C-alpha atoms as a PDB file:
ATOM      1  CA  MET A   1       0.057  -0.152  -0.075  1.00  0.00           C
ATOM      2  CA  LYS A   2       1.501   3.406  -1.137  1.00  0.00           C
ATOM      3  CA  GLY A   3       0.749   6.898  -1.539  1.00  0.00           C
ATOM      4  CA  PRO A   4      -2.070   8.523   0.441  1.00  0.00           C
ATOM      5  CA  ALA A   5      -3.743   5.314   1.910  1.00  0.00           C
ATOM      6  CA  MET A   6      -0.565   4.594   3.355  1.00  0.00           C
ATOM      7  CA  LEU A   7      -0.281   8.044   4.880  1.00  0.00           C
ATOM      8  CA  GLU A   8      -4.103   7.565   6.195  1.00  0.00           C
ATOM      9  CA  ARG A   9      -2.900   4.732   8.339  1.00  0.00           C
ATOM     10  CA  THR A  10      -0.975   5.179  11.490  1.00  0.00           C
ATOM     11  CA  TYR A  11       2.542   3.558  12.162  1.00  0.00           C
ATOM     12  CA  THR A  12       2.466   2.416  15.833  1.00  0.00           C
ATOM     13  CA  GLU A  13       5.262   0.670  17.902  1.00  0.00           C
ATOM     14  CA  HIS A  14       5.197  -0.070  21.730  1.00  0.00           C
ATOM     15  CA  GLN A  15       8.136  -1.605  23.491  1.00  0.00           C
ATOM     16  CA  SER A  16       8.381  -2.581  27.195  1.00  0.00           C
ATOM     17  CA  PHE A  17      11.306  -3.930  29.495  1.00  0.00           C
ATOM     18  CA  ARG A  18       9.364  -6.998  29.969  1.00  0.00           C
ATOM     19  CA  PHE A  19      11.471  -9.188  27.654  1.00  0.00           C
ATOM     20  CA  THR A  20      14.980  -7.363  28.233  1.00  0.00           C
ATOM     21  CA  TRP A  21      17.872  -8.690  30.223  1.00  0.00           C
ATOM     22  CA  SER A  22      17.673  -5.980  32.545  1.00  0.00           C
ATOM     23  CA  TYR A  23      13.974  -6.885  33.629  1.00  0.00           C
ATOM     24  CA  TRP A  24      15.156 -10.641  34.153  1.00  0.00           C
ATOM     25  CA  LEU A  25      18.244  -9.722  35.997  1.00  0.00           C
ATOM     26  CA  CYS A  26      15.924  -7.430  38.300  1.00  0.00           C
ATOM     27  CA  LEU A  27      13.403 -10.348  38.953  1.00  0.00           C
ATOM     28  CA  ALA A  28      16.219 -12.809  39.471  1.00  0.00           C
ATOM     29  CA  LEU A  29      17.760 -10.192  42.192  1.00  0.00           C
ATOM     30  CA  THR A  30      14.060  -9.645  43.721  1.00  0.00           C
ATOM     31  CA  LEU A  31      13.670 -13.370  44.058  1.00  0.00           C
ATOM     32  CA  LEU A  32      17.050 -13.918  45.776  1.00  0.00           C
ATOM     33  CA  PHE A  33      16.131 -11.264  48.439  1.00  0.00           C
ATOM     34  CA  PHE A  34      12.765 -12.826  48.885  1.00  0.00           C
ATOM     35  CA  TYR A  35      14.584 -16.285  49.464  1.00  0.00           C
ATOM     36  CA  VAL A  36      17.076 -14.289  52.013  1.00  0.00           C
ATOM     37  CA  CYS A  37      14.170 -12.742  53.922  1.00  0.00           C
ATOM     38  CA  PHE A  38      12.405 -16.001  54.154  1.00  0.00           C
ATOM     39  CA  GLN A  39      15.401 -17.744  55.353  1.00  0.00           C
ATOM     40  CA  GLN A  40      16.416 -15.188  58.004  1.00  0.00           C
ATOM     41  CA  ILE A  41      13.189 -13.863  59.172  1.00  0.00           C
ATOM     42  CA  ILE A  42      10.648 -16.712  58.854  1.00  0.00           C
ATOM     43  CA  LEU A  43      13.258 -19.786  59.361  1.00  0.00           C
ATOM     44  CA  GLN A  44      15.329 -17.743  61.857  1.00  0.00           C
ATOM     45  CA  GLN A  45      18.474 -19.314  60.103  1.00  0.00           C
ATOM     46  CA  PRO A  46      21.041 -16.160  59.544  1.00  0.00           C
ATOM     47  CA  PHE A  47      22.031 -15.722  55.776  1.00  0.00           C
ATOM     48  CA  GLY A  48      25.791 -15.719  55.522  1.00  0.00           C
ATOM     49  CA  HIS A  49      28.331 -15.258  58.308  1.00  0.00           C
ATOM     50  CA  ASN A  50      27.610 -11.645  58.701  1.00  0.00           C
ATOM     51  CA  PRO A  51      23.971 -11.440  58.079  1.00  0.00           C
ATOM     52  CA  ALA A  52      22.307  -8.031  57.386  1.00  0.00           C
ATOM     53  CA  PRO A  53      19.540  -6.686  59.739  1.00  0.00           C
ATOM     54  CA  ASN A  54      15.990  -7.813  59.092  1.00  0.00           C
ATOM     55  CA  SER A  55      14.981  -4.175  58.458  1.00  0.00           C
ATOM     56  CA  ILE A  56      17.551  -3.772  55.870  1.00  0.00           C
ATOM     57  CA  LEU A  57      16.536  -7.220  54.002  1.00  0.00           C
ATOM     58  CA  VAL A  58      12.937  -6.153  53.881  1.00  0.00           C
ATOM     59  CA  LEU A  59      13.992  -2.694  52.854  1.00  0.00           C
ATOM     60  CA  CYS A  60      15.802  -4.225  49.894  1.00  0.00           C
ATOM     61  CA  CYS A  61      12.971  -6.611  49.174  1.00  0.00           C
ATOM     62  CA  LEU A  62      10.590  -3.623  48.740  1.00  0.00           C
ATOM     63  CA  LEU A  63      12.887  -1.613  46.615  1.00  0.00           C
ATOM     64  CA  MET A  64      13.671  -4.308  44.261  1.00  0.00           C
ATOM     65  CA  LEU A  65      10.180  -5.326  43.844  1.00  0.00           C
ATOM     66  CA  SER A  66       9.306  -1.378  43.411  1.00  0.00           C
ATOM     67  CA  LEU A  67      12.043  -1.576  40.493  1.00  0.00           C
ATOM     68  CA  CYS A  68      10.581  -4.675  38.955  1.00  0.00           C
ATOM     69  CA  ALA A  69       6.977  -2.931  39.111  1.00  0.00           C
ATOM     70  CA  LEU A  70       8.612   0.144  37.313  1.00  0.00           C
ATOM     71  CA  LEU A  71      10.166  -1.927  34.697  1.00  0.00           C
ATOM     72  CA  HIS A  72       7.006  -4.068  33.993  1.00  0.00           C
ATOM     73  CA  CYS A  73       4.817  -1.119  33.581  1.00  0.00           C
ATOM     74  CA  SER A  74       7.220   1.257  31.514  1.00  0.00           C
ATOM     75  CA  SER A  75       6.663   1.357  27.843  1.00  0.00           C
ATOM     76  CA  LEU A  76       7.850   3.364  24.936  1.00  0.00           C
ATOM     77  CA  GLN A  77       5.345   4.243  22.652  1.00  0.00           C
ATOM     78  CA  LEU A  78       5.916   5.835  19.185  1.00  0.00           C
ATOM     79  CA  GLN A  79       2.901   6.841  16.615  1.00  0.00           C
ATOM     80  CA  LEU A  80       3.382   8.496  13.323  1.00  0.00           C
ATOM     81  CA  ASP A  81       0.616   9.473  11.141  1.00  0.00           C
ATOM     82  CA  LYS A  82      -0.580  12.368   8.850  1.00  0.00           C
ATOM     83  CA  GLN A  83      -0.246  15.167  11.688  1.00  0.00           C
ATOM     84  CA  GLY A  84       3.356  14.296  12.454  1.00  0.00           C
ATOM     85  CA  LEU A  85       5.365  12.275  15.112  1.00  0.00           C
ATOM     86  CA  ALA A  86       4.575  11.519  18.567  1.00  0.00           C
ATOM     87  CA  VAL A  87       6.241   9.620  21.240  1.00  0.00           C
ATOM     88  CA  ARG A  88       5.878   8.999  25.409  1.00  0.00           C
ATOM     89  CA  PHE A  89       7.757   7.120  27.663  1.00  0.00           C
ATOM     90  CA  VAL A  90       5.377   5.696  30.256  1.00  0.00           C
ATOM     91  CA  PRO A  91       5.458   6.481  33.305  1.00  0.00           C
ATOM     92  CA  PHE A  92       8.006   8.933  32.945  1.00  0.00           C
ATOM     93  CA  ILE A  93       6.578  10.931  30.003  1.00  0.00           C
ATOM     94  CA  ASN A  94       2.835  10.379  30.197  1.00  0.00           C
ATOM     95  CA  ASN A  95       1.682  13.042  27.877  1.00  0.00           C
ATOM     96  CA  TRP A  96       2.615  12.725  24.064  1.00  0.00           C
ATOM     97  CA  ARG A  97       5.583  14.597  22.692  1.00  0.00           C
ATOM     98  CA  LYS A  98       4.291  15.712  19.423  1.00  0.00           C
ATOM     99  CA  HIS A  99       6.027  17.221  16.443  1.00  0.00           C
ATOM    100  CA  ALA A 100       4.384  18.303  13.238  1.00  0.00           C
ATOM    101  CA  TRP A 101       5.895  17.049  10.028  1.00  0.00           C
ATOM    102  CA  GLN A 102       6.707  20.873   9.235  1.00  0.00           C
ATOM    103  CA  GLU A 103       8.895  20.819  12.434  1.00  0.00           C
ATOM    104  CA  ILE A 104      10.824  17.581  11.116  1.00  0.00           C
ATOM    105  CA  LYS A 105      13.851  18.916   8.923  1.00  0.00           C
ATOM    106  CA  ASP A 106      15.004  15.137   8.473  1.00  0.00           C
ATOM    107  CA  ILE A 107      13.758  11.847   9.703  1.00  0.00           C
ATOM    108  CA  ARG A 108      15.472   8.311   8.980  1.00  0.00           C
ATOM    109  CA  VAL A 109      15.912   4.802  10.408  1.00  0.00           C
ATOM    110  CA  VAL A 110      19.550   4.480  11.526  1.00  0.00           C
ATOM    111  CA  SER A 111      21.882   1.882  13.552  1.00  0.00           C
ATOM    112  CA  TYR A 112      23.442   3.357  16.759  1.00  0.00           C
ATOM    113  CA  ASN A 113      25.561   2.148  19.934  1.00  0.00           C
ATOM    114  CA  PRO A 114      23.089   2.788  22.706  1.00  0.00           C
ATOM    115  CA  ILE A 115      26.078   2.625  25.433  1.00  0.00           C
ATOM    116  CA  GLY A 116      28.715   4.564  23.281  1.00  0.00           C
ATOM    117  CA  ASP A 117      26.473   7.138  21.989  1.00  0.00           C
ATOM    118  CA  TYR A 118      23.962   7.749  24.694  1.00  0.00           C
ATOM    119  CA  GLY A 119      25.226   5.923  27.902  1.00  0.00           C
ATOM    120  CA  GLY A 120      22.498   3.333  28.058  1.00  0.00           C
ATOM    121  CA  TRP A 121      18.958   2.446  27.410  1.00  0.00           C
ATOM    122  CA  GLY A 122      15.981   4.497  28.998  1.00  0.00           C
ATOM    123  CA  ILE A 123      15.565   8.345  28.586  1.00  0.00           C
ATOM    124  CA  ARG A 124      19.192   9.692  27.767  1.00  0.00           C
ATOM    125  CA  GLY A 125      20.952  12.687  26.450  1.00  0.00           C
ATOM    126  CA  ALA A 126      20.388  16.466  27.063  1.00  0.00           C
ATOM    127  CA  LYS A 127      18.015  19.139  25.973  1.00  0.00           C
ATOM    128  CA  ASN A 128      19.259  19.353  22.558  1.00  0.00           C
ATOM    129  CA  ARG A 129      19.963  15.640  22.019  1.00  0.00           C
ATOM    130  CA  ARG A 130      17.604  13.208  23.367  1.00  0.00           C
ATOM    131  CA  CYS A 131      17.073   9.305  23.295  1.00  0.00           C
ATOM    132  CA  TYR A 132      14.413   7.048  24.039  1.00  0.00           C
ATOM    133  CA  ASN A 133      15.103   3.637  23.743  1.00  0.00           C
ATOM    134  CA  ILE A 134      14.158   0.021  25.780  1.00  0.00           C
ATOM    135  CA  SER A 135      16.729  -2.410  23.758  1.00  0.00           C
ATOM    136  CA  GLY A 136      18.421  -3.072  20.512  1.00  0.00           C
ATOM    137  CA  LYS A 137      20.665  -0.746  18.303  1.00  0.00           C
ATOM    138  CA  GLN A 138      18.006   0.336  15.868  1.00  0.00           C
ATOM    139  CA  GLY A 139      16.309   3.807  15.906  1.00  0.00           C
ATOM    140  CA  LEU A 140      14.418   6.265  14.292  1.00  0.00           C
ATOM    141  CA  GLU A 141      16.677   9.515  14.160  1.00  0.00           C
ATOM    142  CA  VAL A 142      14.759  12.858  13.950  1.00  0.00           C
ATOM    143  CA  LEU A 143      16.321  16.120  13.179  1.00  0.00           C
ATOM    144  CA  LEU A 144      13.922  19.001  14.046  1.00  0.00           C
ATOM    145  CA  GLN A 145      14.122  22.429  12.226  1.00  0.00           C
ATOM    146  CA  ASP A 146      15.318  24.411  15.583  1.00  0.00           C
ATOM    147  CA  GLY A 147      18.504  21.878  15.638  1.00  0.00           C
ATOM    148  CA  LYS A 148      17.483  19.522  18.077  1.00  0.00           C
ATOM    149  CA  HIS A 149      17.846  15.620  17.627  1.00  0.00           C
ATOM    150  CA  ILE A 150      15.685  12.996  18.711  1.00  0.00           C
ATOM    151  CA  LEU A 151      16.355   9.350  18.641  1.00  0.00           C
ATOM    152  CA  ILE A 152      13.652   6.806  19.413  1.00  0.00           C
ATOM    153  CA  GLY A 153      14.522   3.257  19.603  1.00  0.00           C
ATOM    154  CA  THR A 154      12.579   0.840  17.314  1.00  0.00           C
ATOM    155  CA  GLN A 155      12.237  -3.177  17.265  1.00  0.00           C
ATOM    156  CA  GLN A 156      10.543  -2.837  13.833  1.00  0.00           C
ATOM    157  CA  LYS A 157      13.267  -1.409  11.607  1.00  0.00           C
ATOM    158  CA  GLU A 158      11.964  -2.718   8.283  1.00  0.00           C
ATOM    159  CA  GLN A 159       8.097  -2.016   8.857  1.00  0.00           C
ATOM    160  CA  LEU A 160       9.170   1.552  10.053  1.00  0.00           C
ATOM    161  CA  SER A 161      11.544   2.040   7.073  1.00  0.00           C
ATOM    162  CA  LEU A 162       8.830   0.871   4.506  1.00  0.00           C
ATOM    163  CA  TRP A 163       6.091   3.470   6.058  1.00  0.00           C
ATOM    164  CA  LEU A 164       8.760   6.045   6.008  1.00  0.00           C
ATOM    165  CA  ALA A 165       9.656   5.497   2.156  1.00  0.00           C
ATOM    166  CA  ALA A 166       5.933   5.226   1.232  1.00  0.00           C
ATOM    167  CA  THR A 167       4.920   8.459   2.792  1.00  0.00           C
ATOM    168  CA  LYS A 168       8.082  10.370   1.967  1.00  0.00           C
ATOM    169  CA  THR A 169       6.674  12.611  -0.651  1.00  0.00           C
ATOM    170  CA  LEU A 170       3.320  13.009   0.973  1.00  0.00           C
ATOM    171  CA  ARG A 171       5.118  14.185   4.321  1.00  0.00           C
ATOM    172  CA  ALA A 172       7.282  17.110   2.148  1.00  0.00           C
END
């Protein structure tokens, strides 16, 4: 599908941390803390040679559980349509950050190094060079008319490239 019909369709992508290594690592550490709490508080068997106080163990369990819940609920959402681009990173950015096509100087799918270029995953960068990503090394690079750069991670490089190619002349 090309031309006006393609632009009438909206490109959407939703990503979450649920199936990333960071989520599973957090979950494993949380289970470890729960096991330690169970052994030390319920079974009354100190964990290790120099066990931590029970209050510290409970606090660590609650913190790790909160981090897992945060990762579980976090999602990166991208939407492209005839009005322009919209992105949000729930629960950190709940409102859509919108950019009309007239504000966008250049837009393309690129490969990048999340750690080398932006220092990791999540919401990264400074005011004029911002990155929103969950995982992977592919992203939608957006250069705005005011000189700001935005990079939005994608797990659907091919579909996004096809949508951009099919709507290029209509967005101009």
